[in-house]
Amino acid sequence: MEKQEKMELAHEPVPGYQTVFYITVAVAVIYLGAVFMKCFF
């Protein structure tokens, strides 16, 4: 059997998307925290 090398699909990162991702996660955590605070207090 002939051994084939693995192909790798790569791309250059687009600047700004990582920052938007972190902001979105932070907003989601703050929102969930506000919902839990309203439910329990």
PDB file of N, CA and C in Angstrom:
ATOM      1  N   MET A   1       0.829  -1.189   0.000  1.00  0.00           N
ATOM      2  CA  MET A   1       0.000   0.000   0.000  1.00  0.00           C
ATOM      3  C   MET A   1       0.872   1.251   0.000  1.00  0.00           C
ATOM      4  N   GLU A   2       0.446   2.204  -0.757  1.00  0.00           N
ATOM      5  CA  GLU A   2       1.186   3.459  -0.857  1.00  0.00           C
ATOM      6  C   GLU A   2       0.713   4.430   0.230  1.00  0.00           C
ATOM      7  N   LYS A   3       1.665   4.984   0.965  1.00  0.00           N
ATOM      8  CA  LYS A   3       1.324   5.909   2.045  1.00  0.00           C
ATOM      9  C   LYS A   3       1.162   7.316   1.468  1.00  0.00           C
ATOM     10  N   GLN A   4       0.010   7.930   1.748  1.00  0.00           N
ATOM     11  CA  GLN A   4      -0.246   9.273   1.259  1.00  0.00           C
ATOM     12  C   GLN A   4      -0.062  10.272   2.401  1.00  0.00           C
ATOM     13  N   GLU A   5       0.430  11.442   2.047  1.00  0.00           N
ATOM     14  CA  GLU A   5       0.591  12.480   3.050  1.00  0.00           C
ATOM     15  C   GLU A   5      -0.760  13.138   3.320  1.00  0.00           C
ATOM     16  N   LYS A   6      -0.930  13.628   4.546  1.00  0.00           N
ATOM     17  CA  LYS A   6      -2.157  14.321   4.899  1.00  0.00           C
ATOM     18  C   LYS A   6      -2.151  15.712   4.279  1.00  0.00           C
ATOM     19  N   MET A   7      -3.313  16.105   3.767  1.00  0.00           N
ATOM     20  CA  MET A   7      -3.448  17.453   3.221  1.00  0.00           C
ATOM     21  C   MET A   7      -3.918  18.379   4.335  1.00  0.00           C
ATOM     22  N   GLU A   8      -3.401  19.571   4.364  1.00  0.00           N
ATOM     23  CA  GLU A   8      -3.771  20.553   5.385  1.00  0.00           C
ATOM     24  C   GLU A   8      -4.374  21.770   4.704  1.00  0.00           C
ATOM     25  N   LEU A   9      -5.592  22.110   5.129  1.00  0.00           N
ATOM     26  CA  LEU A   9      -6.241  23.300   4.620  1.00  0.00           C
ATOM     27  C   LEU A   9      -5.915  24.450   5.564  1.00  0.00           C
ATOM     28  N   ALA A  10      -5.214  25.432   5.087  1.00  0.00           N
ATOM     29  CA  ALA A  10      -4.786  26.542   5.935  1.00  0.00           C
ATOM     30  C   ALA A  10      -5.197  27.868   5.296  1.00  0.00           C
ATOM     31  N   HIS A  11      -5.314  28.886   6.127  1.00  0.00           N
ATOM     32  CA  HIS A  11      -5.620  30.220   5.635  1.00  0.00           C
ATOM     33  C   HIS A  11      -5.012  31.236   6.587  1.00  0.00           C
ATOM     34  N   GLU A  12      -4.869  32.416   6.094  1.00  0.00           N
ATOM     35  CA  GLU A  12      -4.335  33.497   6.917  1.00  0.00           C
ATOM     36  C   GLU A  12      -5.458  34.042   7.802  1.00  0.00           C
ATOM     37  N   PRO A  13      -5.184  34.309   9.064  1.00  0.00           N
ATOM     38  CA  PRO A  13      -6.226  34.853   9.936  1.00  0.00           C
ATOM     39  C   PRO A  13      -6.608  36.271   9.521  1.00  0.00           C
ATOM     40  N   VAL A  14      -7.889  36.573   9.662  1.00  0.00           N
ATOM     41  CA  VAL A  14      -8.385  37.901   9.326  1.00  0.00           C
ATOM     42  C   VAL A  14      -8.335  38.746  10.589  1.00  0.00           C
ATOM     43  N   PRO A  15      -7.651  39.873  10.574  1.00  0.00           N
ATOM     44  CA  PRO A  15      -7.561  40.692  11.780  1.00  0.00           C
ATOM     45  C   PRO A  15      -8.932  41.227  12.190  1.00  0.00           C
ATOM     46  N   GLY A  16      -9.163  41.251  13.487  1.00  0.00           N
ATOM     47  CA  GLY A  16     -10.405  41.793  13.998  1.00  0.00           C
ATOM     48  C   GLY A  16     -11.403  40.746  14.446  1.00  0.00           C
ATOM     49  N   TYR A  17     -11.400  39.566  13.851  1.00  0.00           N
ATOM     50  CA  TYR A  17     -12.374  38.551  14.214  1.00  0.00           C
ATOM     51  C   TYR A  17     -12.165  38.022  15.627  1.00  0.00           C
ATOM     52  N   GLN A  18     -10.929  37.905  16.064  1.00  0.00           N
ATOM     53  CA  GLN A  18     -10.658  37.421  17.415  1.00  0.00           C
ATOM     54  C   GLN A  18     -11.204  38.413  18.451  1.00  0.00           C
ATOM     55  N   THR A  19     -11.025  39.688  18.202  1.00  0.00           N
ATOM     56  CA  THR A  19     -11.540  40.715  19.103  1.00  0.00           C
ATOM     57  C   THR A  19     -13.065  40.666  19.159  1.00  0.00           C
ATOM     58  N   VAL A  20     -13.711  40.539  18.006  1.00  0.00           N
ATOM     59  CA  VAL A  20     -15.172  40.458  17.956  1.00  0.00           C
ATOM     60  C   VAL A  20     -15.653  39.216  18.693  1.00  0.00           C
ATOM     61  N   PHE A  21     -14.943  38.111  18.549  1.00  0.00           N
ATOM     62  CA  PHE A  21     -15.306  36.876  19.245  1.00  0.00           C
ATOM     63  C   PHE A  21     -15.265  37.075  20.754  1.00  0.00           C
ATOM     64  N   TYR A  22     -14.193  37.669  21.268  1.00  0.00           N
ATOM     65  CA  TYR A  22     -14.065  37.886  22.708  1.00  0.00           C
ATOM     66  C   TYR A  22     -15.125  38.854  23.227  1.00  0.00           C
ATOM     67  N   ILE A  23     -15.440  39.885  22.476  1.00  0.00           N
ATOM     68  CA  ILE A  23     -16.475  40.831  22.884  1.00  0.00           C
ATOM     69  C   ILE A  23     -17.834  40.129  22.934  1.00  0.00           C
ATOM     70  N   THR A  24     -18.124  39.306  21.945  1.00  0.00           N
ATOM     71  CA  THR A  24     -19.391  38.577  21.902  1.00  0.00           C
ATOM     72  C   THR A  24     -19.518  37.628  23.090  1.00  0.00           C
ATOM     73  N   VAL A  25     -18.447  36.918  23.411  1.00  0.00           N
ATOM     74  CA  VAL A  25     -18.473  36.002  24.560  1.00  0.00           C
ATOM     75  C   VAL A  25     -18.661  36.789  25.859  1.00  0.00           C
ATOM     76  N   ALA A  26     -17.993  37.918  25.987  1.00  0.00           N
ATOM     77  CA  ALA A  26     -18.123  38.734  27.196  1.00  0.00           C
ATOM     78  C   ALA A  26     -19.552  39.258  27.355  1.00  0.00           C
ATOM     79  N   VAL A  27     -20.161  39.710  26.275  1.00  0.00           N
ATOM     80  CA  VAL A  27     -21.541  40.194  26.333  1.00  0.00           C
ATOM     81  C   VAL A  27     -22.481  39.055  26.718  1.00  0.00           C
ATOM     82  N   ALA A  28     -22.265  37.870  26.175  1.00  0.00           N
ATOM     83  CA  ALA A  28     -23.109  36.717  26.501  1.00  0.00           C
ATOM     84  C   ALA A  28     -22.983  36.345  27.976  1.00  0.00           C
ATOM     85  N   VAL A  29     -21.769  36.373  28.517  1.00  0.00           N
ATOM     86  CA  VAL A  29     -21.564  36.048  29.931  1.00  0.00           C
ATOM     87  C   VAL A  29     -22.229  37.097  30.824  1.00  0.00           C
ATOM     88  N   ILE A  30     -22.098  38.358  30.472  1.00  0.00           N
ATOM     89  CA  ILE A  30     -22.741  39.417  31.254  1.00  0.00           C
ATOM     90  C   ILE A  30     -24.266  39.276  31.199  1.00  0.00           C
ATOM     91  N   TYR A  31     -24.796  38.985  30.037  1.00  0.00           N
ATOM     92  CA  TYR A  31     -26.244  38.803  29.888  1.00  0.00           C
ATOM     93  C   TYR A  31     -26.739  37.625  30.732  1.00  0.00           C
ATOM     94  N   LEU A  32     -26.049  36.493  30.655  1.00  0.00           N
ATOM     95  CA  LEU A  32     -26.457  35.340  31.462  1.00  0.00           C
ATOM     96  C   LEU A  32     -26.344  35.636  32.950  1.00  0.00           C
ATOM     97  N   GLY A  33     -25.310  36.356  33.348  1.00  0.00           N
ATOM     98  CA  GLY A  33     -25.169  36.749  34.743  1.00  0.00           C
ATOM     99  C   GLY A  33     -26.331  37.626  35.186  1.00  0.00           C
ATOM    100  N   ALA A  34     -26.761  38.553  34.342  1.00  0.00           N
ATOM    101  CA  ALA A  34     -27.891  39.418  34.680  1.00  0.00           C
ATOM    102  C   ALA A  34     -29.175  38.608  34.798  1.00  0.00           C
ATOM    103  N   VAL A  35     -29.369  37.642  33.914  1.00  0.00           N
ATOM    104  CA  VAL A  35     -30.564  36.792  33.977  1.00  0.00           C
ATOM    105  C   VAL A  35     -30.570  35.975  35.258  1.00  0.00           C
ATOM    106  N   PHE A  36     -29.442  35.393  35.606  1.00  0.00           N
ATOM    107  CA  PHE A  36     -29.374  34.597  36.847  1.00  0.00           C
ATOM    108  C   PHE A  36     -29.575  35.474  38.083  1.00  0.00           C
ATOM    109  N   MET A  37     -29.021  36.671  38.077  1.00  0.00           N
ATOM    110  CA  MET A  37     -29.195  37.570  39.220  1.00  0.00           C
ATOM    111  C   MET A  37     -30.663  37.955  39.378  1.00  0.00           C
ATOM    112  N   LYS A  38     -31.353  38.189  38.268  1.00  0.00           N
ATOM    113  CA  LYS A  38     -32.754  38.558  38.330  1.00  0.00           C
ATOM    114  C   LYS A  38     -33.612  37.377  38.818  1.00  0.00           C
ATOM    115  N   CYS A  39     -33.255  36.174  38.441  1.00  0.00           N
ATOM    116  CA  CYS A  39     -34.031  35.000  38.838  1.00  0.00           C
ATOM    117  C   CYS A  39     -33.837  34.650  40.315  1.00  0.00           C
ATOM    118  N   PHE A  40     -32.656  34.815  40.824  1.00  0.00           N
ATOM    119  CA  PHE A  40     -32.350  34.344  42.170  1.00  0.00           C
ATOM    120  C   PHE A  40     -32.388  35.437  43.240  1.00  0.00           C
ATOM    121  N   PHE A  41     -32.422  36.693  42.842  1.00  0.00           N
ATOM    122  CA  PHE A  41     -32.421  37.765  43.846  1.00  0.00           C
ATOM    123  C   PHE A  41     -33.584  38.701  43.662  1.00  0.00           C
TER     124      PHE A  41
END
